[in-house]
Amino acid sequence: MIDLKNICAFVTGANGGIGRQFVLELLSRGARRVYAADKTCGETDESSVDPRVIPVALDITDEDAVNRTAERARDVQLLINNAGVNLRAPFIAAPSLASARREIETNYLGALAMCRAFAPTLAAHQGKGGSAIVNVASILGKVTLPNLGSYCASKAALLRLSEGVRAELAAQDTRVVVVLPWAVDTPMSGPFLGQKSSVAEVAARALDGVVNGLDEVLLHDYTFEIEQRLKQDPKSLERELAATFREAP
């Protein structure tokens, strides 16, 4: 069982939203060091007041930069792949493939680059409590909203990535936890009028999943309903989502 007290963690997309909350939650649970990475400036509010926070400027779509960063952060036991984009683009009506490419490059290939780069560092904890990767995905990796088509596809790729990396790294005692919220109360969710999970709930439940050895963490009642309906009548669910979310937001 992984003990989060005194752990060294690396969090991507840490400049706000869920990522910043992961930093706060890790600090509150006694983390020894938290690398707080983001694409722009590598700063969080906590980095100026808590010496345990190490700001890192990192574009996860730059594989060379990811590899250099992993070489400098050799004490990491917990990798949290939180950075992502949602360009709210349908498949056909989008003006070009640019949004789909960016979502795949960030949400899937960026997370893959991070897993590959940090796998050797995480392996060093084999027999010493193990290590873990948290991939912040979405229940939309299991279903599709037409108005967010390429985002859903990128999160489906992240879900498959999580399953494959879990199998590949099991021998080195690296666990992989995939987080599957519905909408979350961040700007990325956009003008969604339904109920949203809070960033505090997402971060806390995800870290509980690490401690408890879970493979998946579901958030929001609707995610549990989706899971059940996918088992019982997936085509009915597909038609319902298509009718509800056909129009561009």
C-alpha atoms as a PDB file:
ATOM      1  CA  MET A   1       0.000   0.000   0.000  1.00  0.00           C
ATOM      2  CA  ILE A   2       1.365   3.415  -0.957  1.00  0.00           C
ATOM      3  CA  ASP A   3       1.674   5.905   1.888  1.00  0.00           C
ATOM      4  CA  LEU A   4       1.247   9.479   0.655  1.00  0.00           C
ATOM      5  CA  LYS A   5       3.041  10.917   3.683  1.00  0.00           C
ATOM      6  CA  ASN A   6       6.594  11.881   2.691  1.00  0.00           C
ATOM      7  CA  ILE A   7       5.920  10.940  -0.938  1.00  0.00           C
ATOM      8  CA  CYS A   8       7.468  12.790  -3.887  1.00  0.00           C
ATOM      9  CA  ALA A   9       4.878  13.481  -6.585  1.00  0.00           C
ATOM     10  CA  PHE A  10       4.851  15.066 -10.028  1.00  0.00           C
ATOM     11  CA  VAL A  11       1.658  16.823 -11.186  1.00  0.00           C
ATOM     12  CA  THR A  12       1.086  18.122 -14.715  1.00  0.00           C
ATOM     13  CA  GLY A  13      -1.366  20.904 -15.508  1.00  0.00           C
ATOM     14  CA  ALA A  14      -0.791  22.261 -12.006  1.00  0.00           C
ATOM     15  CA  ASN A  15      -1.414  25.961 -12.684  1.00  0.00           C
ATOM     16  CA  GLY A  16      -5.133  25.753 -11.851  1.00  0.00           C
ATOM     17  CA  GLY A  17      -8.247  23.624 -11.584  1.00  0.00           C
ATOM     18  CA  ILE A  18      -7.785  19.949 -10.746  1.00  0.00           C
ATOM     19  CA  GLY A  19      -3.999  20.136 -11.000  1.00  0.00           C
ATOM     20  CA  ARG A  20      -3.651  22.892  -8.425  1.00  0.00           C
ATOM     21  CA  GLN A  21      -6.029  20.994  -6.159  1.00  0.00           C
ATOM     22  CA  PHE A  22      -3.849  17.883  -6.466  1.00  0.00           C
ATOM     23  CA  VAL A  23      -0.915  19.966  -5.220  1.00  0.00           C
ATOM     24  CA  LEU A  24      -2.943  21.244  -2.249  1.00  0.00           C
ATOM     25  CA  GLU A  25      -4.265  17.789  -1.407  1.00  0.00           C
ATOM     26  CA  LEU A  26      -0.815  16.202  -1.557  1.00  0.00           C
ATOM     27  CA  LEU A  27       0.592  18.893   0.734  1.00  0.00           C
ATOM     28  CA  SER A  28      -2.249  18.392   3.205  1.00  0.00           C
ATOM     29  CA  ARG A  29      -1.494  14.666   3.285  1.00  0.00           C
ATOM     30  CA  GLY A  30       2.140  15.256   4.139  1.00  0.00           C
ATOM     31  CA  ALA A  31       3.917  14.957   0.792  1.00  0.00           C
ATOM     32  CA  ARG A  32       7.657  15.611   1.049  1.00  0.00           C
ATOM     33  CA  ARG A  33       7.953  17.195  -2.397  1.00  0.00           C
ATOM     34  CA  VAL A  34       5.523  18.078  -5.183  1.00  0.00           C
ATOM     35  CA  TYR A  35       6.750  19.019  -8.652  1.00  0.00           C
ATOM     36  CA  ALA A  36       4.039  21.347  -9.977  1.00  0.00           C
ATOM     37  CA  ALA A  37       4.333  21.482 -13.764  1.00  0.00           C
ATOM     38  CA  ASP A  38       2.492  23.515 -16.351  1.00  0.00           C
ATOM     39  CA  LYS A  39       3.112  24.682 -19.886  1.00  0.00           C
ATOM     40  CA  THR A  40       3.320  28.410 -19.348  1.00  0.00           C
ATOM     41  CA  CYS A  41       5.290  29.540 -16.325  1.00  0.00           C
ATOM     42  CA  GLY A  42       5.611  26.587 -13.996  1.00  0.00           C
ATOM     43  CA  GLU A  43       4.204  28.567 -11.067  1.00  0.00           C
ATOM     44  CA  THR A  44       1.423  27.862  -8.571  1.00  0.00           C
ATOM     45  CA  ASP A  45       0.228  29.997  -5.684  1.00  0.00           C
ATOM     46  CA  GLU A  46       1.756  27.468  -3.288  1.00  0.00           C
ATOM     47  CA  SER A  47       5.247  27.615  -4.803  1.00  0.00           C
ATOM     48  CA  SER A  48       5.936  31.014  -3.219  1.00  0.00           C
ATOM     49  CA  VAL A  49       4.926  29.963   0.298  1.00  0.00           C
ATOM     50  CA  ASP A  50       5.639  26.235   0.630  1.00  0.00           C
ATOM     51  CA  PRO A  51       9.201  25.047   0.018  1.00  0.00           C
ATOM     52  CA  ARG A  52       7.928  21.547  -0.733  1.00  0.00           C
ATOM     53  CA  VAL A  53       6.499  22.765  -4.069  1.00  0.00           C
ATOM     54  CA  ILE A  54       8.932  22.768  -6.997  1.00  0.00           C
ATOM     55  CA  PRO A  55       7.591  24.719  -9.999  1.00  0.00           C
ATOM     56  CA  VAL A  56       8.391  23.182 -13.379  1.00  0.00           C
ATOM     57  CA  ALA A  57       7.802  24.670 -16.821  1.00  0.00           C
ATOM     58  CA  LEU A  58       6.871  21.764 -19.088  1.00  0.00           C
ATOM     59  CA  ASP A  59       5.019  21.218 -22.347  1.00  0.00           C
ATOM     60  CA  ILE A  60       4.057  17.540 -22.200  1.00  0.00           C
ATOM     61  CA  THR A  61       3.730  17.407 -25.996  1.00  0.00           C
ATOM     62  CA  ASP A  62       7.502  18.057 -26.276  1.00  0.00           C
ATOM     63  CA  GLU A  63       8.981  14.566 -25.834  1.00  0.00           C
ATOM     64  CA  ASP A  64      12.546  15.822 -25.450  1.00  0.00           C
ATOM     65  CA  ALA A  65      11.497  18.258 -22.738  1.00  0.00           C
ATOM     66  CA  VAL A  66       9.566  15.497 -20.956  1.00  0.00           C
ATOM     67  CA  ASN A  67      12.627  13.228 -20.999  1.00  0.00           C
ATOM     68  CA  ARG A  68      14.905  15.989 -19.681  1.00  0.00           C
ATOM     69  CA  THR A  69      12.447  16.759 -16.899  1.00  0.00           C
ATOM     70  CA  ALA A  70      12.202  13.102 -15.878  1.00  0.00           C
ATOM     71  CA  GLU A  71      16.007  12.958 -15.626  1.00  0.00           C
ATOM     72  CA  ARG A  72      15.937  15.868 -13.153  1.00  0.00           C
ATOM     73  CA  ALA A  73      13.080  14.470 -11.038  1.00  0.00           C
ATOM     74  CA  ARG A  74      14.521  11.091 -10.099  1.00  0.00           C
ATOM     75  CA  ASP A  75      12.809  10.884  -6.691  1.00  0.00           C
ATOM     76  CA  VAL A  76       9.224  10.729  -8.005  1.00  0.00           C
ATOM     77  CA  GLN A  77       7.067   7.917  -6.627  1.00  0.00           C
ATOM     78  CA  LEU A  78       3.687   9.225  -7.821  1.00  0.00           C
ATOM     79  CA  LEU A  79       3.070  10.627 -11.316  1.00  0.00           C
ATOM     80  CA  ILE A  80      -0.217  12.463 -11.874  1.00  0.00           C
ATOM     81  CA  ASN A  81      -1.042  13.042 -15.545  1.00  0.00           C
ATOM     82  CA  ASN A  82      -3.615  15.795 -15.256  1.00  0.00           C
ATOM     83  CA  ALA A  83      -2.749  18.172 -18.119  1.00  0.00           C
ATOM     84  CA  GLY A  84      -5.362  18.122 -20.861  1.00  0.00           C
ATOM     85  CA  VAL A  85      -7.348  20.168 -23.328  1.00  0.00           C
ATOM     86  CA  ASN A  86     -10.971  20.173 -24.429  1.00  0.00           C
ATOM     87  CA  LEU A  87     -11.508  22.162 -27.629  1.00  0.00           C
ATOM     88  CA  ARG A  88     -15.215  21.262 -27.765  1.00  0.00           C
ATOM     89  CA  ALA A  89     -15.072  20.139 -31.382  1.00  0.00           C
ATOM     90  CA  PRO A  90     -17.346  17.680 -33.207  1.00  0.00           C
ATOM     91  CA  PHE A  91     -15.881  15.250 -35.711  1.00  0.00           C
ATOM     92  CA  ILE A  92     -17.434  16.511 -38.974  1.00  0.00           C
ATOM     93  CA  ALA A  93     -18.420  20.113 -38.273  1.00  0.00           C
ATOM     94  CA  ALA A  94     -14.977  21.101 -36.967  1.00  0.00           C
ATOM     95  CA  PRO A  95     -13.305  23.438 -39.481  1.00  0.00           C
ATOM     96  CA  SER A  96     -10.168  21.263 -39.694  1.00  0.00           C
ATOM     97  CA  LEU A  97      -8.300  18.430 -37.992  1.00  0.00           C
ATOM     98  CA  ALA A  98      -6.320  20.899 -35.864  1.00  0.00           C
ATOM     99  CA  SER A  99      -8.443  20.496 -32.740  1.00  0.00           C
ATOM    100  CA  ALA A 100      -8.433  16.702 -32.973  1.00  0.00           C
ATOM    101  CA  ARG A 101      -4.661  16.648 -33.396  1.00  0.00           C
ATOM    102  CA  ARG A 102      -4.096  18.907 -30.412  1.00  0.00           C
ATOM    103  CA  GLU A 103      -6.402  16.869 -28.178  1.00  0.00           C
ATOM    104  CA  ILE A 104      -4.721  13.596 -29.155  1.00  0.00           C
ATOM    105  CA  GLU A 105      -1.244  15.120 -28.784  1.00  0.00           C
ATOM    106  CA  THR A 106      -2.034  16.441 -25.303  1.00  0.00           C
ATOM    107  CA  ASN A 107      -4.563  14.066 -23.775  1.00  0.00           C
ATOM    108  CA  TYR A 108      -3.059  10.846 -25.144  1.00  0.00           C
ATOM    109  CA  LEU A 109       0.453  11.259 -26.564  1.00  0.00           C
ATOM    110  CA  GLY A 110       1.501  13.705 -23.838  1.00  0.00           C
ATOM    111  CA  ALA A 111       0.402  11.293 -21.121  1.00  0.00           C
ATOM    112  CA  LEU A 112       2.147   8.444 -22.952  1.00  0.00           C
ATOM    113  CA  ALA A 113       5.392  10.445 -23.105  1.00  0.00           C
ATOM    114  CA  MET A 114       5.168  11.090 -19.357  1.00  0.00           C
ATOM    115  CA  CYS A 115       4.562   7.412 -18.556  1.00  0.00           C
ATOM    116  CA  ARG A 116       7.476   6.323 -20.737  1.00  0.00           C
ATOM    117  CA  ALA A 117       9.868   8.916 -19.324  1.00  0.00           C
ATOM    118  CA  PHE A 118       9.047   8.286 -15.660  1.00  0.00           C
ATOM    119  CA  ALA A 119       8.724   4.480 -15.780  1.00  0.00           C
ATOM    120  CA  PRO A 120      12.398   3.867 -14.866  1.00  0.00           C
ATOM    121  CA  THR A 121      12.195   6.280 -11.920  1.00  0.00           C
ATOM    122  CA  LEU A 122       8.989   4.660 -10.672  1.00  0.00           C
ATOM    123  CA  ALA A 123      10.630   1.230 -10.938  1.00  0.00           C
ATOM    124  CA  ALA A 124      13.161   2.254  -8.284  1.00  0.00           C
ATOM    125  CA  HIS A 125      10.402   1.960  -5.670  1.00  0.00           C
ATOM    126  CA  GLN A 126       9.790  -1.741  -6.333  1.00  0.00           C
ATOM    127  CA  GLY A 127       9.911  -3.539  -2.996  1.00  0.00           C
ATOM    128  CA  LYS A 128       9.840  -0.194  -1.156  1.00  0.00           C
ATOM    129  CA  GLY A 129       6.103   0.454  -1.138  1.00  0.00           C
ATOM    130  CA  GLY A 130       5.677   0.580  -4.892  1.00  0.00           C
ATOM    131  CA  SER A 131       4.775   3.521  -7.080  1.00  0.00           C
ATOM    132  CA  ALA A 132       1.746   4.801  -8.954  1.00  0.00           C
ATOM    133  CA  ILE A 133       0.524   6.702 -11.979  1.00  0.00           C
ATOM    134  CA  VAL A 134      -2.758   8.617 -11.906  1.00  0.00           C
ATOM    135  CA  ASN A 135      -4.274   9.403 -15.298  1.00  0.00           C
ATOM    136  CA  VAL A 136      -7.079  11.967 -15.157  1.00  0.00           C
ATOM    137  CA  ALA A 137      -9.360  10.771 -17.931  1.00  0.00           C
ATOM    138  CA  SER A 138     -13.155  11.063 -18.187  1.00  0.00           C
ATOM    139  CA  ILE A 139     -16.181   8.818 -18.332  1.00  0.00           C
ATOM    140  CA  LEU A 140     -16.341  10.191 -21.891  1.00  0.00           C
ATOM    141  CA  GLY A 141     -13.568   7.738 -22.642  1.00  0.00           C
ATOM    142  CA  LYS A 142     -16.309   5.101 -22.539  1.00  0.00           C
ATOM    143  CA  VAL A 143     -19.065   6.975 -24.395  1.00  0.00           C
ATOM    144  CA  THR A 144     -19.234   9.739 -26.991  1.00  0.00           C
ATOM    145  CA  LEU A 145     -20.917  13.128 -26.918  1.00  0.00           C
ATOM    146  CA  PRO A 146     -21.156  14.185 -30.592  1.00  0.00           C
ATOM    147  CA  ASN A 147     -20.467  17.831 -29.812  1.00  0.00           C
ATOM    148  CA  LEU A 148     -17.196  16.857 -28.094  1.00  0.00           C
ATOM    149  CA  GLY A 149     -16.260  14.108 -30.498  1.00  0.00           C
ATOM    150  CA  SER A 150     -12.485  14.357 -30.732  1.00  0.00           C
ATOM    151  CA  TYR A 151     -12.157  15.045 -26.982  1.00  0.00           C
ATOM    152  CA  CYS A 152     -14.048  11.827 -26.261  1.00  0.00           C
ATOM    153  CA  ALA A 153     -11.790   9.957 -28.681  1.00  0.00           C
ATOM    154  CA  SER A 154      -8.668  11.310 -26.970  1.00  0.00           C
ATOM    155  CA  LYS A 155      -9.972  10.249 -23.552  1.00  0.00           C
ATOM    156  CA  ALA A 156     -10.804   6.794 -24.921  1.00  0.00           C
ATOM    157  CA  ALA A 157      -7.174   6.574 -26.055  1.00  0.00           C
ATOM    158  CA  LEU A 158      -6.051   7.619 -22.562  1.00  0.00           C
ATOM    159  CA  LEU A 159      -8.222   4.908 -21.028  1.00  0.00           C
ATOM    160  CA  ARG A 160      -6.683   2.252 -23.289  1.00  0.00           C
ATOM    161  CA  LEU A 161      -3.245   3.687 -22.460  1.00  0.00           C
ATOM    162  CA  SER A 162      -3.973   3.301 -18.750  1.00  0.00           C
ATOM    163  CA  GLU A 163      -4.966  -0.332 -19.165  1.00  0.00           C
ATOM    164  CA  GLY A 164      -1.903  -1.150 -21.245  1.00  0.00           C
ATOM    165  CA  VAL A 165       0.582   0.643 -18.997  1.00  0.00           C
ATOM    166  CA  ARG A 166      -0.981  -1.044 -15.964  1.00  0.00           C
ATOM    167  CA  ALA A 167      -0.220  -4.416 -17.529  1.00  0.00           C
ATOM    168  CA  GLU A 168       3.289  -3.464 -18.670  1.00  0.00           C
ATOM    169  CA  LEU A 169       4.395  -1.976 -15.344  1.00  0.00           C
ATOM    170  CA  ALA A 170       2.745  -4.465 -12.977  1.00  0.00           C
ATOM    171  CA  ALA A 171       5.998  -6.412 -12.648  1.00  0.00           C
ATOM    172  CA  GLN A 172       7.780  -3.335 -11.258  1.00  0.00           C
ATOM    173  CA  ASP A 173       4.961  -2.707  -8.746  1.00  0.00           C
ATOM    174  CA  THR A 174       3.739   0.464 -10.436  1.00  0.00           C
ATOM    175  CA  ARG A 175      -0.020   0.800 -10.162  1.00  0.00           C
ATOM    176  CA  VAL A 176      -2.106   2.796 -12.612  1.00  0.00           C
ATOM    177  CA  VAL A 177      -5.242   4.575 -11.422  1.00  0.00           C
ATOM    178  CA  VAL A 178      -7.523   6.108 -14.024  1.00  0.00           C
ATOM    179  CA  VAL A 179      -9.933   8.824 -12.863  1.00  0.00           C
ATOM    180  CA  LEU A 180     -13.295   8.965 -14.650  1.00  0.00           C
ATOM    181  CA  PRO A 181     -15.355  12.046 -13.757  1.00  0.00           C
ATOM    182  CA  TRP A 182     -18.372  13.400 -15.612  1.00  0.00           C
ATOM    183  CA  ALA A 183     -18.267  17.215 -15.747  1.00  0.00           C
ATOM    184  CA  VAL A 184     -15.939  18.996 -13.309  1.00  0.00           C
ATOM    185  CA  ASP A 185     -16.303  22.565 -12.065  1.00  0.00           C
ATOM    186  CA  THR A 186     -13.449  24.012 -14.138  1.00  0.00           C
ATOM    187  CA  PRO A 187     -13.298  26.214 -17.256  1.00  0.00           C
ATOM    188  CA  MET A 188     -12.541  23.107 -19.334  1.00  0.00           C
ATOM    189  CA  SER A 189     -16.109  21.861 -18.838  1.00  0.00           C
ATOM    190  CA  GLY A 190     -17.394  25.034 -20.454  1.00  0.00           C
ATOM    191  CA  PRO A 191     -21.058  26.106 -20.401  1.00  0.00           C
ATOM    192  CA  PHE A 192     -22.372  22.802 -19.064  1.00  0.00           C
ATOM    193  CA  LEU A 193     -25.557  23.361 -17.065  1.00  0.00           C
ATOM    194  CA  GLY A 194     -25.759  20.010 -15.264  1.00  0.00           C
ATOM    195  CA  GLN A 195     -24.272  19.011 -11.940  1.00  0.00           C
ATOM    196  CA  LYS A 196     -20.465  19.089 -11.751  1.00  0.00           C
ATOM    197  CA  SER A 197     -17.959  17.463  -9.430  1.00  0.00           C
ATOM    198  CA  SER A 198     -15.731  19.842  -7.485  1.00  0.00           C
ATOM    199  CA  VAL A 199     -11.975  19.853  -8.024  1.00  0.00           C
ATOM    200  CA  ALA A 200     -11.573  19.009  -4.332  1.00  0.00           C
ATOM    201  CA  GLU A 201     -13.651  15.858  -4.754  1.00  0.00           C
ATOM    202  CA  VAL A 202     -11.714  14.763  -7.840  1.00  0.00           C
ATOM    203  CA  ALA A 203      -8.293  15.179  -6.224  1.00  0.00           C
ATOM    204  CA  ALA A 204      -9.268  13.621  -2.901  1.00  0.00           C
ATOM    205  CA  ARG A 205     -11.029  10.628  -4.453  1.00  0.00           C
ATOM    206  CA  ALA A 206      -8.174  10.051  -6.894  1.00  0.00           C
ATOM    207  CA  LEU A 207      -5.576   9.982  -4.109  1.00  0.00           C
ATOM    208  CA  ASP A 208      -7.823   7.721  -2.039  1.00  0.00           C
ATOM    209  CA  GLY A 209      -7.819   5.425  -5.062  1.00  0.00           C
ATOM    210  CA  VAL A 210      -4.012   5.362  -4.999  1.00  0.00           C
ATOM    211  CA  VAL A 211      -3.929   4.497  -1.304  1.00  0.00           C
ATOM    212  CA  ASN A 212      -6.607   1.818  -1.664  1.00  0.00           C
ATOM    213  CA  GLY A 213      -5.117   0.217  -4.781  1.00  0.00           C
ATOM    214  CA  LEU A 214      -8.035   0.943  -7.121  1.00  0.00           C
ATOM    215  CA  ASP A 215      -7.790   0.676 -10.905  1.00  0.00           C
ATOM    216  CA  GLU A 216     -10.621   3.122 -11.635  1.00  0.00           C
ATOM    217  CA  VAL A 217     -12.165   5.996  -9.694  1.00  0.00           C
ATOM    218  CA  LEU A 218     -15.686   7.001 -10.745  1.00  0.00           C
ATOM    219  CA  LEU A 219     -17.032  10.413  -9.751  1.00  0.00           C
ATOM    220  CA  HIS A 220     -20.598  11.754  -9.878  1.00  0.00           C
ATOM    221  CA  ASP A 221     -23.710   9.566  -9.759  1.00  0.00           C
ATOM    222  CA  TYR A 222     -24.105   9.790 -13.525  1.00  0.00           C
ATOM    223  CA  THR A 223     -20.809   7.999 -14.121  1.00  0.00           C
ATOM    224  CA  PHE A 224     -22.122   4.999 -12.164  1.00  0.00           C
ATOM    225  CA  GLU A 225     -25.330   5.125 -14.197  1.00  0.00           C
ATOM    226  CA  ILE A 226     -23.330   5.166 -17.432  1.00  0.00           C
ATOM    227  CA  GLU A 227     -21.331   2.135 -16.281  1.00  0.00           C
ATOM    228  CA  GLN A 228     -24.524   0.191 -15.569  1.00  0.00           C
ATOM    229  CA  ARG A 229     -26.192   1.174 -18.813  1.00  0.00           C
ATOM    230  CA  LEU A 230     -23.123   0.226 -20.839  1.00  0.00           C
ATOM    231  CA  LYS A 231     -23.501  -3.273 -19.404  1.00  0.00           C
ATOM    232  CA  GLN A 232     -27.275  -3.444 -19.887  1.00  0.00           C
ATOM    233  CA  ASP A 233     -28.149  -1.563 -23.091  1.00  0.00           C
ATOM    234  CA  PRO A 234     -25.244   0.376 -24.622  1.00  0.00           C
ATOM    235  CA  LYS A 235     -27.051   1.253 -27.866  1.00  0.00           C
ATOM    236  CA  SER A 236     -29.908   2.886 -25.972  1.00  0.00           C
ATOM    237  CA  LEU A 237     -27.381   5.001 -24.079  1.00  0.00           C
ATOM    238  CA  GLU A 238     -25.641   5.930 -27.332  1.00  0.00           C
ATOM    239  CA  ARG A 239     -28.914   7.132 -28.857  1.00  0.00           C
ATOM    240  CA  GLU A 240     -29.785   9.131 -25.749  1.00  0.00           C
ATOM    241  CA  LEU A 241     -26.416  10.885 -25.629  1.00  0.00           C
ATOM    242  CA  ALA A 242     -26.568  11.550 -29.363  1.00  0.00           C
ATOM    243  CA  ALA A 243     -29.964  13.223 -29.037  1.00  0.00           C
ATOM    244  CA  THR A 244     -28.966  15.270 -25.989  1.00  0.00           C
ATOM    245  CA  PHE A 245     -25.502  16.408 -27.054  1.00  0.00           C
ATOM    246  CA  ARG A 246     -25.776  16.615 -30.850  1.00  0.00           C
ATOM    247  CA  GLU A 247     -25.657  20.396 -31.042  1.00  0.00           C
ATOM    248  CA  ALA A 248     -22.415  22.325 -30.665  1.00  0.00           C
ATOM    249  CA  PRO A 249     -22.136  24.020 -27.244  1.00  0.00           C
END
